[in-house]
Amino acid sequence: MKCGFCGYEFAEEDGIRGCGKCGMPGSCRMIRCPRCNYENPPEPAVVKKIKKLLKKS
């Protein structure tokens, strides 16, 4: 995924999940960039599939 703030590309698994600092009730689905800590929404499944198909080509 690509950070919406700094443009750094990283694997969703490498991002920081559920920091617990925002006070959002339930589970926070935001993923923080490992470089700048900007909170990004997770990539939709459709985007992940398209990226996978493009990598195979």
PDB file of N, CA and C in Angstrom:
ATOM      1  N   MET A   1       0.834  -1.167   0.000  1.00  0.00           N
ATOM      2  CA  MET A   1       0.000   0.000   0.000  1.00  0.00           C
ATOM      3  C   MET A   1       0.882   1.234   0.000  1.00  0.00           C
ATOM      4  N   LYS A   2       0.300   2.357  -0.377  1.00  0.00           N
ATOM      5  CA  LYS A   2       1.048   3.602  -0.482  1.00  0.00           C
ATOM      6  C   LYS A   2       0.492   4.602   0.519  1.00  0.00           C
ATOM      7  N   CYS A   3       1.368   5.213   1.281  1.00  0.00           N
ATOM      8  CA  CYS A   3       0.963   6.191   2.284  1.00  0.00           C
ATOM      9  C   CYS A   3       0.382   7.419   1.587  1.00  0.00           C
ATOM     10  N   GLY A   4      -0.756   7.873   2.057  1.00  0.00           N
ATOM     11  CA  GLY A   4      -1.412   9.035   1.479  1.00  0.00           C
ATOM     12  C   GLY A   4      -0.737  10.344   1.838  1.00  0.00           C
ATOM     13  N   PHE A   5       0.177  10.337   2.778  1.00  0.00           N
ATOM     14  CA  PHE A   5       0.855  11.567   3.200  1.00  0.00           C
ATOM     15  C   PHE A   5       2.253  11.695   2.605  1.00  0.00           C
ATOM     16  N   CYS A   6       3.100  10.687   2.840  1.00  0.00           N
ATOM     17  CA  CYS A   6       4.496  10.796   2.409  1.00  0.00           C
ATOM     18  C   CYS A   6       4.794  10.032   1.119  1.00  0.00           C
ATOM     19  N   GLY A   7       3.869   9.167   0.667  1.00  0.00           N
ATOM     20  CA  GLY A   7       4.061   8.436  -0.574  1.00  0.00           C
ATOM     21  C   GLY A   7       4.885   7.166  -0.443  1.00  0.00           C
ATOM     22  N   TYR A   8       5.286   6.821   0.769  1.00  0.00           N
ATOM     23  CA  TYR A   8       6.086   5.620   1.011  1.00  0.00           C
ATOM     24  C   TYR A   8       5.243   4.384   0.719  1.00  0.00           C
ATOM     25  N   GLU A   9       5.799   3.438  -0.040  1.00  0.00           N
ATOM     26  CA  GLU A   9       5.091   2.190  -0.346  1.00  0.00           C
ATOM     27  C   GLU A   9       5.573   1.106   0.594  1.00  0.00           C
ATOM     28  N   PHE A  10       4.631   0.410   1.216  1.00  0.00           N
ATOM     29  CA  PHE A  10       4.954  -0.649   2.159  1.00  0.00           C
ATOM     30  C   PHE A  10       3.883  -1.720   2.120  1.00  0.00           C
ATOM     31  N   ALA A  11       4.246  -2.907   2.581  1.00  0.00           N
ATOM     32  CA  ALA A  11       3.274  -4.000   2.657  1.00  0.00           C
ATOM     33  C   ALA A  11       2.318  -3.705   3.817  1.00  0.00           C
ATOM     34  N   GLU A  12       1.057  -4.009   3.626  1.00  0.00           N
ATOM     35  CA  GLU A  12       0.057  -3.739   4.661  1.00  0.00           C
ATOM     36  C   GLU A  12       0.442  -4.405   5.985  1.00  0.00           C
ATOM     37  N   GLU A  13       1.111  -5.548   5.901  1.00  0.00           N
ATOM     38  CA  GLU A  13       1.541  -6.267   7.105  1.00  0.00           C
ATOM     39  C   GLU A  13       2.632  -5.514   7.859  1.00  0.00           C
ATOM     40  N   ASP A  14       3.386  -4.664   7.156  1.00  0.00           N
ATOM     41  CA  ASP A  14       4.459  -3.895   7.786  1.00  0.00           C
ATOM     42  C   ASP A  14       3.952  -2.645   8.498  1.00  0.00           C
ATOM     43  N   GLY A  15       2.720  -2.252   8.215  1.00  0.00           N
ATOM     44  CA  GLY A  15       2.142  -1.074   8.854  1.00  0.00           C
ATOM     45  C   GLY A  15       1.782  -1.359  10.308  1.00  0.00           C
ATOM     46  N   ILE A  16       1.553  -0.298  11.069  1.00  0.00           N
ATOM     47  CA  ILE A  16       1.212  -0.414  12.483  1.00  0.00           C
ATOM     48  C   ILE A  16      -0.305  -0.427  12.601  1.00  0.00           C
ATOM     49  N   ARG A  17      -0.847  -1.484  13.155  1.00  0.00           N
ATOM     50  CA  ARG A  17      -2.304  -1.629  13.284  1.00  0.00           C
ATOM     51  C   ARG A  17      -2.759  -1.384  14.713  1.00  0.00           C
ATOM     52  N   GLY A  18      -3.988  -0.890  14.826  1.00  0.00           N
ATOM     53  CA  GLY A  18      -4.651  -0.778  16.122  1.00  0.00           C
ATOM     54  C   GLY A  18      -3.812  -0.160  17.218  1.00  0.00           C
ATOM     55  N   CYS A  19      -3.421   1.080  17.024  1.00  0.00           N
ATOM     56  CA  CYS A  19      -2.546   1.721  18.009  1.00  0.00           C
ATOM     57  C   CYS A  19      -3.271   1.939  19.336  1.00  0.00           C
ATOM     58  N   GLY A  20      -4.599   2.097  19.300  1.00  0.00           N
ATOM     59  CA  GLY A  20      -5.368   2.276  20.525  1.00  0.00           C
ATOM     60  C   GLY A  20      -5.302   3.675  21.111  1.00  0.00           C
ATOM     61  N   LYS A  21      -4.726   4.615  20.405  1.00  0.00           N
ATOM     62  CA  LYS A  21      -4.568   5.967  20.933  1.00  0.00           C
ATOM     63  C   LYS A  21      -5.679   6.926  20.518  1.00  0.00           C
ATOM     64  N   CYS A  22      -6.462   6.555  19.518  1.00  0.00           N
ATOM     65  CA  CYS A  22      -7.470   7.489  19.006  1.00  0.00           C
ATOM     66  C   CYS A  22      -8.760   7.471  19.823  1.00  0.00           C
ATOM     67  N   GLY A  23      -8.974   6.442  20.612  1.00  0.00           N
ATOM     68  CA  GLY A  23     -10.180   6.361  21.414  1.00  0.00           C
ATOM     69  C   GLY A  23     -11.399   5.913  20.631  1.00  0.00           C
ATOM     70  N   MET A  24     -11.198   5.442  19.431  1.00  0.00           N
ATOM     71  CA  MET A  24     -12.295   4.971  18.590  1.00  0.00           C
ATOM     72  C   MET A  24     -12.859   3.685  19.183  1.00  0.00           C
ATOM     73  N   PRO A  25     -14.179   3.650  19.429  1.00  0.00           N
ATOM     74  CA  PRO A  25     -14.755   2.425  20.001  1.00  0.00           C
ATOM     75  C   PRO A  25     -14.695   1.275  19.013  1.00  0.00           C
ATOM     76  N   GLY A  26     -14.529   0.081  19.513  1.00  0.00           N
ATOM     77  CA  GLY A  26     -14.405  -1.084  18.638  1.00  0.00           C
ATOM     78  C   GLY A  26     -13.002  -1.185  18.103  1.00  0.00           C
ATOM     79  N   SER A  27     -12.863  -1.890  17.022  1.00  0.00           N
ATOM     80  CA  SER A  27     -11.518  -2.051  16.472  1.00  0.00           C
ATOM     81  C   SER A  27     -11.260  -1.016  15.390  1.00  0.00           C
ATOM     82  N   CYS A  28     -10.159  -0.351  15.509  1.00  0.00           N
ATOM     83  CA  CYS A  28      -9.739   0.641  14.525  1.00  0.00           C
ATOM     84  C   CYS A  28      -9.098  -0.120  13.364  1.00  0.00           C
ATOM     85  N   ARG A  29      -9.520   0.158  12.151  1.00  0.00           N
ATOM     86  CA  ARG A  29      -9.000  -0.557  10.987  1.00  0.00           C
ATOM     87  C   ARG A  29      -7.896   0.218  10.281  1.00  0.00           C
ATOM     88  N   MET A  30      -7.574   1.384  10.787  1.00  0.00           N
ATOM     89  CA  MET A  30      -6.555   2.211  10.146  1.00  0.00           C
ATOM     90  C   MET A  30      -5.174   1.564  10.279  1.00  0.00           C
ATOM     91  N   ILE A  31      -4.331   1.819   9.289  1.00  0.00           N
ATOM     92  CA  ILE A  31      -2.971   1.278   9.273  1.00  0.00           C
ATOM     93  C   ILE A  31      -2.012   2.454   9.202  1.00  0.00           C
ATOM     94  N   ARG A  32      -1.119   2.520  10.168  1.00  0.00           N
ATOM     95  CA  ARG A  32      -0.174   3.631  10.233  1.00  0.00           C
ATOM     96  C   ARG A  32       1.076   3.319   9.417  1.00  0.00           C
ATOM     97  N   CYS A  33       1.531   4.322   8.703  1.00  0.00           N
ATOM     98  CA  CYS A  33       2.738   4.204   7.883  1.00  0.00           C
ATOM     99  C   CYS A  33       3.945   4.013   8.800  1.00  0.00           C
ATOM    100  N   PRO A  34       4.815   3.036   8.499  1.00  0.00           N
ATOM    101  CA  PRO A  34       5.999   2.821   9.335  1.00  0.00           C
ATOM    102  C   PRO A  34       7.027   3.948   9.220  1.00  0.00           C
ATOM    103  N   ARG A  35       6.897   4.784   8.209  1.00  0.00           N
ATOM    104  CA  ARG A  35       7.852   5.874   8.017  1.00  0.00           C
ATOM    105  C   ARG A  35       7.413   7.171   8.710  1.00  0.00           C
ATOM    106  N   CYS A  36       6.143   7.586   8.509  1.00  0.00           N
ATOM    107  CA  CYS A  36       5.699   8.887   9.039  1.00  0.00           C
ATOM    108  C   CYS A  36       4.566   8.794  10.061  1.00  0.00           C
ATOM    109  N   ASN A  37       4.041   7.602  10.301  1.00  0.00           N
ATOM    110  CA  ASN A  37       2.956   7.345  11.257  1.00  0.00           C
ATOM    111  C   ASN A  37       1.601   7.927  10.848  1.00  0.00           C
ATOM    112  N   TYR A  38       1.441   8.297   9.589  1.00  0.00           N
ATOM    113  CA  TYR A  38       0.148   8.772   9.100  1.00  0.00           C
ATOM    114  C   TYR A  38      -0.816   7.587   9.040  1.00  0.00           C
ATOM    115  N   GLU A  39      -2.052   7.799   9.480  1.00  0.00           N
ATOM    116  CA  GLU A  39      -3.045   6.715   9.476  1.00  0.00           C
ATOM    117  C   GLU A  39      -3.735   6.648   8.127  1.00  0.00           C
ATOM    118  N   ASN A  40      -3.656   5.480   7.501  1.00  0.00           N
ATOM    119  CA  ASN A  40      -4.251   5.224   6.197  1.00  0.00           C
ATOM    120  C   ASN A  40      -5.346   4.176   6.341  1.00  0.00           C
ATOM    121  N   PRO A  41      -6.405   4.284   5.535  1.00  0.00           N
ATOM    122  CA  PRO A  41      -7.401   3.206   5.530  1.00  0.00           C
ATOM    123  C   PRO A  41      -6.817   1.989   4.831  1.00  0.00           C
ATOM    124  N   PRO A  42      -7.260   0.781   5.188  1.00  0.00           N
ATOM    125  CA  PRO A  42      -6.750  -0.417   4.507  1.00  0.00           C
ATOM    126  C   PRO A  42      -7.162  -0.415   3.043  1.00  0.00           C
ATOM    127  N   GLU A  43      -6.340  -1.040   2.206  1.00  0.00           N
ATOM    128  CA  GLU A  43      -6.661  -1.133   0.783  1.00  0.00           C
ATOM    129  C   GLU A  43      -7.846  -2.059   0.577  1.00  0.00           C
ATOM    130  N   PRO A  44      -8.766  -1.690  -0.297  1.00  0.00           N
ATOM    131  CA  PRO A  44      -9.881  -2.578  -0.617  1.00  0.00           C
ATOM    132  C   PRO A  44      -9.373  -3.865  -1.272  1.00  0.00           C
ATOM    133  N   ALA A  45     -10.113  -4.934  -1.106  1.00  0.00           N
ATOM    134  CA  ALA A  45      -9.732  -6.238  -1.654  1.00  0.00           C
ATOM    135  C   ALA A  45      -9.569  -6.185  -3.172  1.00  0.00           C
ATOM    136  N   VAL A  46     -10.385  -5.386  -3.844  1.00  0.00           N
ATOM    137  CA  VAL A  46     -10.306  -5.271  -5.298  1.00  0.00           C
ATOM    138  C   VAL A  46      -8.941  -4.708  -5.717  1.00  0.00           C
ATOM    139  N   VAL A  47      -8.470  -3.712  -4.995  1.00  0.00           N
ATOM    140  CA  VAL A  47      -7.172  -3.108  -5.313  1.00  0.00           C
ATOM    141  C   VAL A  47      -6.056  -4.132  -5.106  1.00  0.00           C
ATOM    142  N   LYS A  48      -6.144  -4.906  -4.042  1.00  0.00           N
ATOM    143  CA  LYS A  48      -5.134  -5.939  -3.772  1.00  0.00           C
ATOM    144  C   LYS A  48      -5.091  -6.960  -4.899  1.00  0.00           C
ATOM    145  N   LYS A  49      -6.262  -7.385  -5.395  1.00  0.00           N
ATOM    146  CA  LYS A  49      -6.322  -8.369  -6.475  1.00  0.00           C
ATOM    147  C   LYS A  49      -5.735  -7.819  -7.761  1.00  0.00           C
ATOM    148  N   ILE A  50      -6.030  -6.563  -8.061  1.00  0.00           N
ATOM    149  CA  ILE A  50      -5.496  -5.954  -9.279  1.00  0.00           C
ATOM    150  C   ILE A  50      -3.968  -5.865  -9.201  1.00  0.00           C
ATOM    151  N   LYS A  51      -3.447  -5.474  -8.050  1.00  0.00           N
ATOM    152  CA  LYS A  51      -1.993  -5.399  -7.881  1.00  0.00           C
ATOM    153  C   LYS A  51      -1.352  -6.764  -8.060  1.00  0.00           C
ATOM    154  N   LYS A  52      -2.003  -7.799  -7.536  1.00  0.00           N
ATOM    155  CA  LYS A  52      -1.487  -9.154  -7.658  1.00  0.00           C
ATOM    156  C   LYS A  52      -1.438  -9.580  -9.124  1.00  0.00           C
ATOM    157  N   LEU A  53      -2.496  -9.260  -9.874  1.00  0.00           N
ATOM    158  CA  LEU A  53      -2.543  -9.611 -11.289  1.00  0.00           C
ATOM    159  C   LEU A  53      -1.464  -8.868 -12.073  1.00  0.00           C
ATOM    160  N   LEU A  54      -1.231  -7.622 -11.744  1.00  0.00           N
ATOM    161  CA  LEU A  54      -0.221  -6.837 -12.448  1.00  0.00           C
ATOM    162  C   LEU A  54       1.194  -7.323 -12.146  1.00  0.00           C
ATOM    163  N   LYS A  55       1.420  -7.826 -10.939  1.00  0.00           N
ATOM    164  CA  LYS A  55       2.746  -8.349 -10.580  1.00  0.00           C
ATOM    165  C   LYS A  55       3.065  -9.627 -11.350  1.00  0.00           C
ATOM    166  N   LYS A  56       2.035 -10.430 -11.642  1.00  0.00           N
ATOM    167  CA  LYS A  56       2.233 -11.694 -12.362  1.00  0.00           C
ATOM    168  C   LYS A  56       2.596 -11.448 -13.823  1.00  0.00           C
ATOM    169  N   SER A  57       2.172 -10.322 -14.363  1.00  0.00           N
ATOM    170  CA  SER A  57       2.420 -10.023 -15.793  1.00  0.00           C
ATOM    171  C   SER A  57       3.835  -9.622 -16.061  1.00  0.00           C
TER     172      SER A  57
END
